[in-house]
């Protein structure tokens, strides 16, 4: 009689797990911004020398930040 109850328990757990996914709500944001990252806004937090909408200037600033701030090989003594 014991194998029957373990099978019933396993089926109950499996069906509960399968049904729990049915009630999930989509996790999308209300609005999407499809604008490229370099199109940004101008405010007090923008790096000096960067112009909004200038892709070349955006790439140069990212490259410089990667070299000077996050490259451990260039910071090592």
Protein backbone atom coordinates (compact mmCIF):
# COMPACT_ATOMS: atom_id res chain seq x y z
CA UNK A 1 0.00 0.00 0.00
CA UNK A 2 2.93 2.33 0.59
CA UNK A 3 4.06 2.61 -3.08
CA UNK A 4 0.56 3.76 -4.05
CA UNK A 5 0.62 6.74 -1.66
CA UNK A 6 4.11 7.81 -2.74
CA UNK A 7 2.99 7.70 -6.38
CA UNK A 8 -0.08 9.75 -5.54
CA UNK A 9 2.07 12.26 -3.64
CA UNK A 10 4.53 12.52 -6.54
CA UNK A 11 1.69 13.11 -9.03
CA UNK A 12 0.16 15.74 -6.76
CA UNK A 13 3.47 17.59 -6.42
CA UNK A 14 4.12 17.38 -10.17
CA UNK A 15 0.68 18.70 -11.08
CA UNK A 16 0.96 21.53 -8.55
CA UNK A 17 4.33 22.51 -10.02
CA UNK A 18 2.93 22.41 -13.55
CA UNK A 19 -0.08 24.53 -12.63
CA UNK A 20 1.93 27.13 -10.73
CA UNK A 21 3.48 28.37 -13.97
CA UNK A 22 0.05 29.10 -15.47
CA UNK A 23 -0.62 32.06 -13.20
CA UNK A 24 2.63 33.94 -13.86
CA UNK A 25 2.17 37.50 -15.03
CA UNK A 26 4.49 38.95 -17.70
CA UNK A 27 7.41 40.82 -16.19
CA UNK A 28 7.79 43.46 -18.88
CA UNK A 29 8.17 47.13 -18.11
CA UNK A 30 5.34 49.50 -18.94
CA UNK A 31 7.38 51.40 -21.52
CA UNK A 32 10.30 50.44 -23.69
CA UNK A 33 13.00 52.77 -24.86
CA UNK A 34 14.33 51.65 -28.22
CA UNK A 35 16.66 54.62 -28.53
CA UNK A 36 20.38 53.85 -28.70
CA UNK A 37 22.40 54.39 -25.52
CA UNK A 38 24.43 57.25 -26.96
CA UNK A 39 21.30 59.32 -27.62
CA UNK A 40 21.10 60.04 -23.84
CA UNK A 41 20.03 63.22 -22.13
CA UNK A 42 22.01 66.22 -21.02
CA UNK A 43 21.94 66.88 -17.30
CA UNK A 44 24.34 67.53 -14.42
CA UNK A 45 25.54 63.91 -14.35
CA UNK A 46 26.87 63.77 -17.92
CA UNK A 47 30.66 63.49 -18.34
CA UNK A 48 32.28 66.68 -19.57
CA UNK A 49 32.99 66.64 -23.29
CA UNK A 50 30.20 64.25 -24.20
CA UNK A 51 27.44 65.44 -26.51
CA UNK A 52 24.09 63.70 -26.57
CA UNK A 53 23.51 61.89 -29.85
CA UNK A 54 27.20 61.73 -30.83
CA UNK A 55 28.04 58.04 -31.22
CA UNK A 56 31.76 58.63 -31.75
CA UNK A 57 32.09 60.66 -28.56
CA UNK A 58 30.10 58.00 -26.65
CA UNK A 59 32.43 55.24 -27.83
CA UNK A 60 35.55 57.26 -26.97
CA UNK A 61 34.30 57.91 -23.43
CA UNK A 62 33.46 54.22 -22.91
CA UNK A 63 36.88 53.19 -24.19
CA UNK A 64 38.65 55.70 -21.92
CA UNK A 65 36.60 54.67 -18.89
CA UNK A 66 37.42 51.03 -19.53
CA UNK A 67 41.13 51.78 -19.74
CA UNK A 68 41.55 54.17 -16.83
CA UNK A 69 38.96 53.00 -14.36
CA UNK A 70 38.48 49.29 -14.80
CA UNK A 71 41.67 47.90 -16.35
CA UNK A 72 43.67 46.23 -13.56
CA UNK A 73 46.68 45.69 -15.82
CA UNK A 74 47.19 49.42 -16.36
CA UNK A 75 46.72 50.18 -12.63
CA UNK A 76 49.18 47.56 -11.35
CA UNK A 77 52.51 48.94 -10.02
